[in-house]
All heavy atoms as atom14 arrays in JSON, in Angstrom:
{
  "sequence": "ERALQLRGISLVGSTKSGALVDVVARASPAGEALAVVRAFSRRAIQDA",
  "atom14_mask": [
    [1, 1, 1, 1, 1, 1, 1, 1, 1, 0, 0, 0, 0, 0],
    [1, 1, 1, 1, 1, 1, 1, 1, 1, 1, 1, 0, 0, 0],
    [1, 1, 1, 1, 1, 0, 0, 0, 0, 0, 0, 0, 0, 0],
    [1, 1, 1, 1, 1, 1, 1, 1, 0, 0, 0, 0, 0, 0],
    [1, 1, 1, 1, 1, 1, 1, 1, 1, 0, 0, 0, 0, 0],
    [1, 1, 1, 1, 1, 1, 1, 1, 0, 0, 0, 0, 0, 0],
    [1, 1, 1, 1, 1, 1, 1, 1, 1, 1, 1, 0, 0, 0],
    [1, 1, 1, 1, 0, 0, 0, 0, 0, 0, 0, 0, 0, 0],
    [1, 1, 1, 1, 1, 1, 1, 1, 0, 0, 0, 0, 0, 0],
    [1, 1, 1, 1, 1, 1, 0, 0, 0, 0, 0, 0, 0, 0],
    [1, 1, 1, 1, 1, 1, 1, 1, 0, 0, 0, 0, 0, 0],
    [1, 1, 1, 1, 1, 1, 1, 0, 0, 0, 0, 0, 0, 0],
    [1, 1, 1, 1, 0, 0, 0, 0, 0, 0, 0, 0, 0, 0],
    [1, 1, 1, 1, 1, 1, 0, 0, 0, 0, 0, 0, 0, 0],
    [1, 1, 1, 1, 1, 1, 1, 0, 0, 0, 0, 0, 0, 0],
    [1, 1, 1, 1, 1, 1, 1, 1, 1, 0, 0, 0, 0, 0],
    [1, 1, 1, 1, 1, 1, 0, 0, 0, 0, 0, 0, 0, 0],
    [1, 1, 1, 1, 0, 0, 0, 0, 0, 0, 0, 0, 0, 0],
    [1, 1, 1, 1, 1, 0, 0, 0, 0, 0, 0, 0, 0, 0],
    [1, 1, 1, 1, 1, 1, 1, 1, 0, 0, 0, 0, 0, 0],
    [1, 1, 1, 1, 1, 1, 1, 0, 0, 0, 0, 0, 0, 0],
    [1, 1, 1, 1, 1, 1, 1, 1, 0, 0, 0, 0, 0, 0],
    [1, 1, 1, 1, 1, 1, 1, 0, 0, 0, 0, 0, 0, 0],
    [1, 1, 1, 1, 1, 1, 1, 0, 0, 0, 0, 0, 0, 0],
    [1, 1, 1, 1, 1, 0, 0, 0, 0, 0, 0, 0, 0, 0],
    [1, 1, 1, 1, 1, 1, 1, 1, 1, 1, 1, 0, 0, 0],
    [1, 1, 1, 1, 1, 0, 0, 0, 0, 0, 0, 0, 0, 0],
    [1, 1, 1, 1, 1, 1, 0, 0, 0, 0, 0, 0, 0, 0],
    [1, 1, 1, 1, 1, 1, 1, 0, 0, 0, 0, 0, 0, 0],
    [1, 1, 1, 1, 1, 0, 0, 0, 0, 0, 0, 0, 0, 0],
    [1, 1, 1, 1, 0, 0, 0, 0, 0, 0, 0, 0, 0, 0],
    [1, 1, 1, 1, 1, 1, 1, 1, 1, 0, 0, 0, 0, 0],
    [1, 1, 1, 1, 1, 0, 0, 0, 0, 0, 0, 0, 0, 0],
    [1, 1, 1, 1, 1, 1, 1, 1, 0, 0, 0, 0, 0, 0],
    [1, 1, 1, 1, 1, 0, 0, 0, 0, 0, 0, 0, 0, 0],
    [1, 1, 1, 1, 1, 1, 1, 0, 0, 0, 0, 0, 0, 0],
    [1, 1, 1, 1, 1, 1, 1, 0, 0, 0, 0, 0, 0, 0],
    [1, 1, 1, 1, 1, 1, 1, 1, 1, 1, 1, 0, 0, 0],
    [1, 1, 1, 1, 1, 0, 0, 0, 0, 0, 0, 0, 0, 0],
    [1, 1, 1, 1, 1, 1, 1, 1, 1, 1, 1, 0, 0, 0],
    [1, 1, 1, 1, 1, 1, 0, 0, 0, 0, 0, 0, 0, 0],
    [1, 1, 1, 1, 1, 1, 1, 1, 1, 1, 1, 0, 0, 0],
    [1, 1, 1, 1, 1, 1, 1, 1, 1, 1, 1, 0, 0, 0],
    [1, 1, 1, 1, 1, 0, 0, 0, 0, 0, 0, 0, 0, 0],
    [1, 1, 1, 1, 1, 1, 1, 1, 0, 0, 0, 0, 0, 0],
    [1, 1, 1, 1, 1, 1, 1, 1, 1, 0, 0, 0, 0, 0],
    [1, 1, 1, 1, 1, 1, 1, 1, 0, 0, 0, 0, 0, 0],
    [1, 1, 1, 1, 1, 0, 0, 0, 0, 0, 0, 0, 0, 0]
  ],
  "atom14_positions": [
    [[10.43, -5.31, -54.16], [10.0, -4.65, -53.08], [9.21, -5.51, -52.14], [9.4, -5.5, -50.89], [9.1, -3.41, -53.5], [8.68, -2.55, -52.28], [7.83, -1.39, -52.81], [7.0, -1.59, -53.71], [7.95, -0.26, -52.14], [0.0, 0.0, 0.0], [0.0, 0.0, 0.0], [0.0, 0.0, 0.0], [0.0, 0.0, 0.0], [0.0, 0.0, 0.0]],
    [[8.32, -6.33, -52.76], [7.6, -7.28, -52.02], [8.45, -8.27, -51.26], [8.25, -8.71, -50.09], [6.54, -8.05, -52.87], [5.63, -8.98, -52.09], [4.57, -9.63, -52.92], [3.69, -10.47, -52.25], [3.94, -11.8, -52.05], [5.04, -12.29, -52.38], [3.06, -12.55, -51.36], [0.0, 0.0, 0.0], [0.0, 0.0, 0.0], [0.0, 0.0, 0.0]],
    [[9.48, -8.77, -51.99], [10.42, -9.74, -51.32], [11.08, -9.14, -50.14], [11.38, -9.91, -49.19], [11.42, -10.12, -52.4], [0.0, 0.0, 0.0], [0.0, 0.0, 0.0], [0.0, 0.0, 0.0], [0.0, 0.0, 0.0], [0.0, 0.0, 0.0], [0.0, 0.0, 0.0], [0.0, 0.0, 0.0], [0.0, 0.0, 0.0], [0.0, 0.0, 0.0]],
    [[11.46, -7.79, -50.22], [12.15, -7.19, -49.06], [11.16, -7.05, -47.96], [11.53, -7.2, -46.7], [12.7, -5.85, -49.42], [13.9, -5.94, -50.37], [14.34, -4.49, -50.78], [15.02, -6.65, -49.68], [0.0, 0.0, 0.0], [0.0, 0.0, 0.0], [0.0, 0.0, 0.0], [0.0, 0.0, 0.0], [0.0, 0.0, 0.0], [0.0, 0.0, 0.0]],
    [[9.92, -6.66, -48.23], [8.91, -6.47, -47.21], [8.63, -7.83, -46.43], [8.29, -7.87, -45.26], [7.59, -5.95, -47.74], [7.72, -4.47, -48.17], [6.42, -3.94, -48.85], [5.72, -4.69, -49.57], [6.21, -2.65, -48.7], [0.0, 0.0, 0.0], [0.0, 0.0, 0.0], [0.0, 0.0, 0.0], [0.0, 0.0, 0.0], [0.0, 0.0, 0.0]],
    [[8.6, -8.98, -47.18], [8.51, -10.22, -46.52], [9.63, -10.56, -45.56], [9.46, -11.31, -44.63], [8.48, -11.42, -47.6], [7.19, -11.42, -48.45], [7.31, -12.47, -49.57], [5.97, -11.7, -47.68], [0.0, 0.0, 0.0], [0.0, 0.0, 0.0], [0.0, 0.0, 0.0], [0.0, 0.0, 0.0], [0.0, 0.0, 0.0], [0.0, 0.0, 0.0]],
    [[10.79, -9.88, -45.7], [11.9, -10.02, -44.78], [11.86, -8.98, -43.7], [12.78, -8.84, -42.93], [13.18, -9.97, -45.57], [13.37, -11.16, -46.47], [14.51, -10.9, -47.5], [15.77, -10.45, -46.91], [16.75, -9.85, -47.58], [16.63, -9.77, -48.89], [17.76, -9.43, -46.99], [0.0, 0.0, 0.0], [0.0, 0.0, 0.0], [0.0, 0.0, 0.0]],
    [[10.76, -8.18, -43.67], [10.65, -7.11, -42.63], [11.48, -5.84, -43.1], [11.75, -5.03, -42.2], [0.0, 0.0, 0.0], [0.0, 0.0, 0.0], [0.0, 0.0, 0.0], [0.0, 0.0, 0.0], [0.0, 0.0, 0.0], [0.0, 0.0, 0.0], [0.0, 0.0, 0.0], [0.0, 0.0, 0.0], [0.0, 0.0, 0.0], [0.0, 0.0, 0.0]],
    [[11.82, -5.65, -44.4], [12.45, -4.5, -44.72], [11.51, -3.48, -45.44], [11.0, -3.86, -46.57], [13.67, -4.78, -45.66], [14.7, -5.66, -44.88], [14.37, -3.53, -46.2], [15.77, -6.17, -45.69], [0.0, 0.0, 0.0], [0.0, 0.0, 0.0], [0.0, 0.0, 0.0], [0.0, 0.0, 0.0], [0.0, 0.0, 0.0], [0.0, 0.0, 0.0]],
    [[11.23, -2.39, -44.84], [10.22, -1.43, -45.42], [10.71, -0.56, -46.47], [10.06, -0.23, -47.54], [9.66, -0.61, -44.32], [9.11, -1.36, -43.28], [0.0, 0.0, 0.0], [0.0, 0.0, 0.0], [0.0, 0.0, 0.0], [0.0, 0.0, 0.0], [0.0, 0.0, 0.0], [0.0, 0.0, 0.0], [0.0, 0.0, 0.0], [0.0, 0.0, 0.0]],
    [[12.01, -0.08, -46.33], [12.53, 0.85, -47.2], [14.12, 0.51, -47.43], [14.61, -0.25, -46.57], [12.57, 2.27, -46.79], [11.12, 2.86, -46.5], [11.18, 4.16, -45.62], [10.37, 3.11, -47.77], [0.0, 0.0, 0.0], [0.0, 0.0, 0.0], [0.0, 0.0, 0.0], [0.0, 0.0, 0.0], [0.0, 0.0, 0.0], [0.0, 0.0, 0.0]],
    [[14.67, 0.98, -48.54], [16.11, 0.9, -48.66], [16.63, 2.37, -48.67], [15.84, 3.33, -48.75], [16.43, 0.2, -50.03], [15.89, -1.15, -50.02], [15.92, 1.0, -51.23], [0.0, 0.0, 0.0], [0.0, 0.0, 0.0], [0.0, 0.0, 0.0], [0.0, 0.0, 0.0], [0.0, 0.0, 0.0], [0.0, 0.0, 0.0], [0.0, 0.0, 0.0]],
    [[17.96, 2.46, -48.48], [18.54, 3.79, -48.42], [20.06, 3.78, -48.72], [20.65, 2.69, -48.88], [0.0, 0.0, 0.0], [0.0, 0.0, 0.0], [0.0, 0.0, 0.0], [0.0, 0.0, 0.0], [0.0, 0.0, 0.0], [0.0, 0.0, 0.0], [0.0, 0.0, 0.0], [0.0, 0.0, 0.0], [0.0, 0.0, 0.0], [0.0, 0.0, 0.0]],
    [[20.67, 4.87, -48.61], [22.12, 4.98, -48.81], [22.7, 6.17, -47.95], [21.94, 7.1, -47.69], [22.41, 5.25, -50.26], [21.82, 6.44, -50.76], [0.0, 0.0, 0.0], [0.0, 0.0, 0.0], [0.0, 0.0, 0.0], [0.0, 0.0, 0.0], [0.0, 0.0, 0.0], [0.0, 0.0, 0.0], [0.0, 0.0, 0.0], [0.0, 0.0, 0.0]],
    [[23.88, 5.96, -47.55], [24.6, 7.05, -46.85], [25.99, 7.14, -47.54], [26.57, 6.16, -48.04], [24.78, 6.82, -45.46], [25.33, 7.95, -44.77], [25.56, 5.6, -45.05], [0.0, 0.0, 0.0], [0.0, 0.0, 0.0], [0.0, 0.0, 0.0], [0.0, 0.0, 0.0], [0.0, 0.0, 0.0], [0.0, 0.0, 0.0], [0.0, 0.0, 0.0]],
    [[26.51, 8.38, -47.7], [27.72, 8.6, -48.5], [28.97, 8.06, -48.0], [29.84, 7.77, -48.73], [27.8, 10.13, -48.76], [26.66, 10.73, -49.54], [26.88, 12.21, -49.7], [25.8, 12.87, -50.54], [26.04, 14.28, -50.76], [0.0, 0.0, 0.0], [0.0, 0.0, 0.0], [0.0, 0.0, 0.0], [0.0, 0.0, 0.0], [0.0, 0.0, 0.0]],
    [[29.15, 7.96, -46.66], [30.45, 7.62, -46.07], [30.3, 6.79, -44.83], [29.33, 7.06, -44.02], [31.29, 8.84, -45.84], [32.46, 8.53, -45.1], [0.0, 0.0, 0.0], [0.0, 0.0, 0.0], [0.0, 0.0, 0.0], [0.0, 0.0, 0.0], [0.0, 0.0, 0.0], [0.0, 0.0, 0.0], [0.0, 0.0, 0.0], [0.0, 0.0, 0.0]],
    [[31.2, 5.94, -44.55], [31.25, 5.1, -43.36], [31.56, 5.95, -42.1], [31.23, 5.65, -41.01], [0.0, 0.0, 0.0], [0.0, 0.0, 0.0], [0.0, 0.0, 0.0], [0.0, 0.0, 0.0], [0.0, 0.0, 0.0], [0.0, 0.0, 0.0], [0.0, 0.0, 0.0], [0.0, 0.0, 0.0], [0.0, 0.0, 0.0], [0.0, 0.0, 0.0]],
    [[32.09, 7.18, -42.36], [32.38, 8.11, -41.32], [31.12, 8.62, -40.61], [31.15, 9.17, -39.51], [33.22, 9.23, -41.71], [0.0, 0.0, 0.0], [0.0, 0.0, 0.0], [0.0, 0.0, 0.0], [0.0, 0.0, 0.0], [0.0, 0.0, 0.0], [0.0, 0.0, 0.0], [0.0, 0.0, 0.0], [0.0, 0.0, 0.0], [0.0, 0.0, 0.0]],
    [[29.9, 8.56, -41.36], [28.74, 9.15, -40.9], [27.93, 8.08, -40.12], [26.86, 8.45, -39.53], [27.84, 9.62, -42.15], [28.49, 10.56, -42.94], [27.59, 10.91, -44.26], [28.67, 11.9, -42.22], [0.0, 0.0, 0.0], [0.0, 0.0, 0.0], [0.0, 0.0, 0.0], [0.0, 0.0, 0.0], [0.0, 0.0, 0.0], [0.0, 0.0, 0.0]],
    [[28.36, 6.84, -40.01], [27.63, 5.82, -39.31], [28.27, 5.64, -38.02], [29.39, 5.25, -37.8], [27.74, 4.45, -40.14], [26.96, 3.35, -39.39], [27.14, 4.61, -41.5], [0.0, 0.0, 0.0], [0.0, 0.0, 0.0], [0.0, 0.0, 0.0], [0.0, 0.0, 0.0], [0.0, 0.0, 0.0], [0.0, 0.0, 0.0], [0.0, 0.0, 0.0]],
    [[27.57, 6.03, -36.92], [28.11, 5.99, -35.61], [27.51, 4.83, -34.77], [26.2, 4.68, -34.81], [27.73, 7.27, -34.85], [28.4, 8.53, -35.51], [29.59, 8.36, -35.95], [27.78, 9.56, -35.52], [0.0, 0.0, 0.0], [0.0, 0.0, 0.0], [0.0, 0.0, 0.0], [0.0, 0.0, 0.0], [0.0, 0.0, 0.0], [0.0, 0.0, 0.0]],
    [[28.38, 4.16, -34.09], [27.87, 3.11, -33.13], [27.64, 3.75, -31.83], [28.47, 4.22, -31.17], [28.94, 1.98, -32.9], [28.48, 1.01, -31.92], [29.22, 1.29, -34.33], [0.0, 0.0, 0.0], [0.0, 0.0, 0.0], [0.0, 0.0, 0.0], [0.0, 0.0, 0.0], [0.0, 0.0, 0.0], [0.0, 0.0, 0.0], [0.0, 0.0, 0.0]],
    [[26.38, 3.72, -31.37], [25.97, 4.55, -30.16], [25.85, 3.56, -28.96], [25.74, 4.01, -27.87], [24.67, 5.27, -30.36], [24.83, 6.33, -31.44], [23.51, 4.37, -30.77], [0.0, 0.0, 0.0], [0.0, 0.0, 0.0], [0.0, 0.0, 0.0], [0.0, 0.0, 0.0], [0.0, 0.0, 0.0], [0.0, 0.0, 0.0], [0.0, 0.0, 0.0]],
    [[25.7, 2.27, -29.14], [25.67, 1.35, -28.1], [26.07, -0.06, -28.57], [25.81, -0.48, -29.84], [24.18, 1.22, -27.57], [0.0, 0.0, 0.0], [0.0, 0.0, 0.0], [0.0, 0.0, 0.0], [0.0, 0.0, 0.0], [0.0, 0.0, 0.0], [0.0, 0.0, 0.0], [0.0, 0.0, 0.0], [0.0, 0.0, 0.0], [0.0, 0.0, 0.0]],
    [[26.67, -0.78, -27.73], [27.09, -2.18, -28.11], [26.0, -3.12, -27.91], [25.03, -2.83, -27.17], [28.28, -2.52, -27.25], [29.53, -1.62, -27.53], [30.74, -1.89, -26.58], [31.36, -3.25, -26.86], [32.37, -3.24, -27.76], [32.77, -2.23, -28.47], [32.89, -4.47, -27.95], [0.0, 0.0, 0.0], [0.0, 0.0, 0.0], [0.0, 0.0, 0.0]],
    [[26.18, -4.4, -28.37], [25.11, -5.33, -28.23], [25.32, -5.99, -26.78], [26.1, -5.62, -26.02], [25.46, -6.46, -29.27], [0.0, 0.0, 0.0], [0.0, 0.0, 0.0], [0.0, 0.0, 0.0], [0.0, 0.0, 0.0], [0.0, 0.0, 0.0], [0.0, 0.0, 0.0], [0.0, 0.0, 0.0], [0.0, 0.0, 0.0], [0.0, 0.0, 0.0]],
    [[24.41, -6.92, -26.45], [24.52, -7.68, -25.19], [25.82, -8.38, -25.15], [26.52, -8.63, -26.17], [23.33, -8.59, -25.04], [23.45, -9.6, -26.09], [0.0, 0.0, 0.0], [0.0, 0.0, 0.0], [0.0, 0.0, 0.0], [0.0, 0.0, 0.0], [0.0, 0.0, 0.0], [0.0, 0.0, 0.0], [0.0, 0.0, 0.0], [0.0, 0.0, 0.0]],
    [[26.2, -8.71, -23.92], [27.49, -9.55, -23.79], [27.53, -10.82, -24.73], [28.56, -11.04, -25.37], [27.58, -9.83, -22.3], [26.82, -8.68, -21.72], [25.71, -8.34, -22.64], [0.0, 0.0, 0.0], [0.0, 0.0, 0.0], [0.0, 0.0, 0.0], [0.0, 0.0, 0.0], [0.0, 0.0, 0.0], [0.0, 0.0, 0.0], [0.0, 0.0, 0.0]],
    [[26.37, -11.45, -24.78], [26.22, -12.58, -25.56], [26.44, -12.37, -27.05], [27.14, -13.03, -27.81], [25.0, -13.37, -25.34], [0.0, 0.0, 0.0], [0.0, 0.0, 0.0], [0.0, 0.0, 0.0], [0.0, 0.0, 0.0], [0.0, 0.0, 0.0], [0.0, 0.0, 0.0], [0.0, 0.0, 0.0], [0.0, 0.0, 0.0], [0.0, 0.0, 0.0]],
    [[25.74, -11.27, -27.44], [25.73, -10.83, -28.81], [27.2, -10.39, -29.27], [27.69, -10.68, -30.36], [0.0, 0.0, 0.0], [0.0, 0.0, 0.0], [0.0, 0.0, 0.0], [0.0, 0.0, 0.0], [0.0, 0.0, 0.0], [0.0, 0.0, 0.0], [0.0, 0.0, 0.0], [0.0, 0.0, 0.0], [0.0, 0.0, 0.0], [0.0, 0.0, 0.0]],
    [[27.88, -9.72, -28.41], [29.18, -9.26, -28.61], [30.27, -10.43, -28.78], [31.04, -10.51, -29.65], [29.8, -8.29, -27.51], [29.09, -6.9, -27.61], [29.57, -6.13, -28.82], [30.65, -6.28, -29.28], [28.73, -5.29, -29.31], [0.0, 0.0, 0.0], [0.0, 0.0, 0.0], [0.0, 0.0, 0.0], [0.0, 0.0, 0.0], [0.0, 0.0, 0.0]],
    [[29.96, -11.41, -27.88], [30.78, -12.62, -27.85], [30.65, -13.33, -29.17], [31.66, -13.82, -29.76], [30.59, -13.61, -26.69], [0.0, 0.0, 0.0], [0.0, 0.0, 0.0], [0.0, 0.0, 0.0], [0.0, 0.0, 0.0], [0.0, 0.0, 0.0], [0.0, 0.0, 0.0], [0.0, 0.0, 0.0], [0.0, 0.0, 0.0], [0.0, 0.0, 0.0]],
    [[29.42, -13.5, -29.62], [29.11, -14.31, -30.94], [29.78, -13.5, -32.04], [30.31, -14.08, -33.06], [27.66, -14.41, -31.07], [26.93, -15.39, -30.13], [25.47, -15.38, -30.34], [27.49, -16.77, -30.34], [0.0, 0.0, 0.0], [0.0, 0.0, 0.0], [0.0, 0.0, 0.0], [0.0, 0.0, 0.0], [0.0, 0.0, 0.0], [0.0, 0.0, 0.0]],
    [[29.63, -12.16, -32.04], [30.26, -11.37, -33.08], [31.72, -11.56, -33.23], [32.29, -11.6, -34.3], [29.87, -9.8, -32.92], [0.0, 0.0, 0.0], [0.0, 0.0, 0.0], [0.0, 0.0, 0.0], [0.0, 0.0, 0.0], [0.0, 0.0, 0.0], [0.0, 0.0, 0.0], [0.0, 0.0, 0.0], [0.0, 0.0, 0.0], [0.0, 0.0, 0.0]],
    [[32.36, -11.57, -32.02], [33.84, -11.8, -31.92], [34.14, -13.1, -32.63], [35.14, -13.26, -33.34], [34.38, -11.7, -30.55], [35.85, -12.16, -30.48], [34.29, -10.31, -29.98], [0.0, 0.0, 0.0], [0.0, 0.0, 0.0], [0.0, 0.0, 0.0], [0.0, 0.0, 0.0], [0.0, 0.0, 0.0], [0.0, 0.0, 0.0], [0.0, 0.0, 0.0]],
    [[33.39, -14.14, -32.32], [33.62, -15.48, -32.79], [33.49, -15.49, -34.31], [34.29, -16.1, -35.09], [32.68, -16.52, -32.15], [32.84, -17.92, -32.85], [32.99, -16.65, -30.63], [0.0, 0.0, 0.0], [0.0, 0.0, 0.0], [0.0, 0.0, 0.0], [0.0, 0.0, 0.0], [0.0, 0.0, 0.0], [0.0, 0.0, 0.0], [0.0, 0.0, 0.0]],
    [[32.34, -14.9, -34.8], [32.12, -14.79, -36.29], [33.38, -14.05, -36.97], [33.83, -14.56, -38.0], [30.88, -14.08, -36.59], [29.66, -14.94, -36.38], [28.41, -14.22, -37.0], [28.14, -12.98, -36.45], [27.36, -12.82, -35.38], [26.77, -13.79, -34.75], [27.16, -11.6, -34.93], [0.0, 0.0, 0.0], [0.0, 0.0, 0.0], [0.0, 0.0, 0.0]],
    [[33.78, -12.95, -36.38], [34.94, -12.2, -37.01], [36.2, -12.99, -37.0], [36.88, -13.04, -37.97], [35.03, -10.88, -36.24], [0.0, 0.0, 0.0], [0.0, 0.0, 0.0], [0.0, 0.0, 0.0], [0.0, 0.0, 0.0], [0.0, 0.0, 0.0], [0.0, 0.0, 0.0], [0.0, 0.0, 0.0], [0.0, 0.0, 0.0], [0.0, 0.0, 0.0]],
    [[36.51, -13.68, -35.9], [37.64, -14.54, -35.85], [37.55, -15.69, -36.84], [38.54, -16.07, -37.48], [37.92, -15.04, -34.49], [39.06, -15.92, -34.3], [40.41, -15.39, -34.3], [38.97, -17.34, -34.26], [41.43, -16.2, -34.2], [40.02, -18.13, -34.2], [41.29, -17.61, -34.12], [0.0, 0.0, 0.0], [0.0, 0.0, 0.0], [0.0, 0.0, 0.0]],
    [[36.36, -16.28, -36.95], [36.2, -17.37, -37.86], [36.47, -16.98, -39.35], [37.15, -17.72, -40.04], [34.75, -17.91, -37.8], [34.53, -18.5, -36.49], [0.0, 0.0, 0.0], [0.0, 0.0, 0.0], [0.0, 0.0, 0.0], [0.0, 0.0, 0.0], [0.0, 0.0, 0.0], [0.0, 0.0, 0.0], [0.0, 0.0, 0.0], [0.0, 0.0, 0.0]],
    [[35.93, -15.81, -39.63], [36.2, -15.34, -41.03], [37.71, -15.12, -41.34], [38.23, -15.55, -42.27], [35.52, -13.96, -41.24], [33.97, -14.05, -41.28], [33.34, -12.73, -41.65], [31.91, -12.73, -41.5], [31.25, -12.21, -40.43], [31.95, -11.63, -39.43], [29.99, -12.16, -40.32], [0.0, 0.0, 0.0], [0.0, 0.0, 0.0], [0.0, 0.0, 0.0]],
    [[38.47, -14.58, -40.34], [39.87, -14.44, -40.48], [40.58, -15.63, -40.51], [41.51, -15.82, -41.4], [40.39, -13.47, -39.37], [39.89, -12.05, -39.43], [40.82, -11.14, -38.41], [40.76, -11.64, -37.08], [39.86, -11.25, -36.15], [38.92, -10.41, -36.49], [39.94, -11.86, -34.88], [0.0, 0.0, 0.0], [0.0, 0.0, 0.0], [0.0, 0.0, 0.0]],
    [[40.22, -16.55, -39.66], [40.94, -17.85, -39.66], [40.76, -18.67, -40.91], [41.63, -19.22, -41.47], [40.46, -18.71, -38.5], [0.0, 0.0, 0.0], [0.0, 0.0, 0.0], [0.0, 0.0, 0.0], [0.0, 0.0, 0.0], [0.0, 0.0, 0.0], [0.0, 0.0, 0.0], [0.0, 0.0, 0.0], [0.0, 0.0, 0.0], [0.0, 0.0, 0.0]],
    [[39.55, -18.68, -41.47], [39.23, -19.38, -42.7], [39.86, -18.71, -43.8], [40.4, -19.4, -44.7], [37.65, -19.43, -42.86], [37.08, -20.36, -41.72], [37.3, -20.03, -44.3], [35.48, -20.44, -41.84], [0.0, 0.0, 0.0], [0.0, 0.0, 0.0], [0.0, 0.0, 0.0], [0.0, 0.0, 0.0], [0.0, 0.0, 0.0], [0.0, 0.0, 0.0]],
    [[39.9, -17.47, -43.86], [40.53, -16.72, -44.93], [42.01, -16.98, -44.98], [42.61, -17.18, -46.02], [40.25, -15.16, -44.8], [40.87, -14.37, -45.88], [40.3, -14.71, -47.27], [39.17, -14.98, -47.41], [41.24, -14.67, -48.25], [0.0, 0.0, 0.0], [0.0, 0.0, 0.0], [0.0, 0.0, 0.0], [0.0, 0.0, 0.0], [0.0, 0.0, 0.0]],
    [[42.62, -17.05, -43.78], [44.15, -17.35, -43.71], [44.41, -18.74, -44.07], [45.38, -18.95, -44.8], [44.52, -17.03, -42.23], [46.05, -17.23, -42.09], [46.84, -16.62, -42.89], [46.44, -18.02, -41.34], [0.0, 0.0, 0.0], [0.0, 0.0, 0.0], [0.0, 0.0, 0.0], [0.0, 0.0, 0.0], [0.0, 0.0, 0.0], [0.0, 0.0, 0.0]],
    [[43.62, -19.75, -43.53], [43.96, -21.17, -43.84], [43.41, -21.68, -45.15], [44.14, -22.49, -45.71], [43.3, -21.94, -42.63], [0.0, 0.0, 0.0], [0.0, 0.0, 0.0], [0.0, 0.0, 0.0], [0.0, 0.0, 0.0], [0.0, 0.0, 0.0], [0.0, 0.0, 0.0], [0.0, 0.0, 0.0], [0.0, 0.0, 0.0], [0.0, 0.0, 0.0]]
  ]
}
């Protein structure tokens, strides 16, 4: 618990289904672009 608090995590939790997790707003354009690069990098490395 202390190790998580040092990382700024106060509590842990669970939710039953991915259908219950809603995206209500996208990140900034720069954040979205970096996320696209990370996702593509994972796919490219997994494929090659």
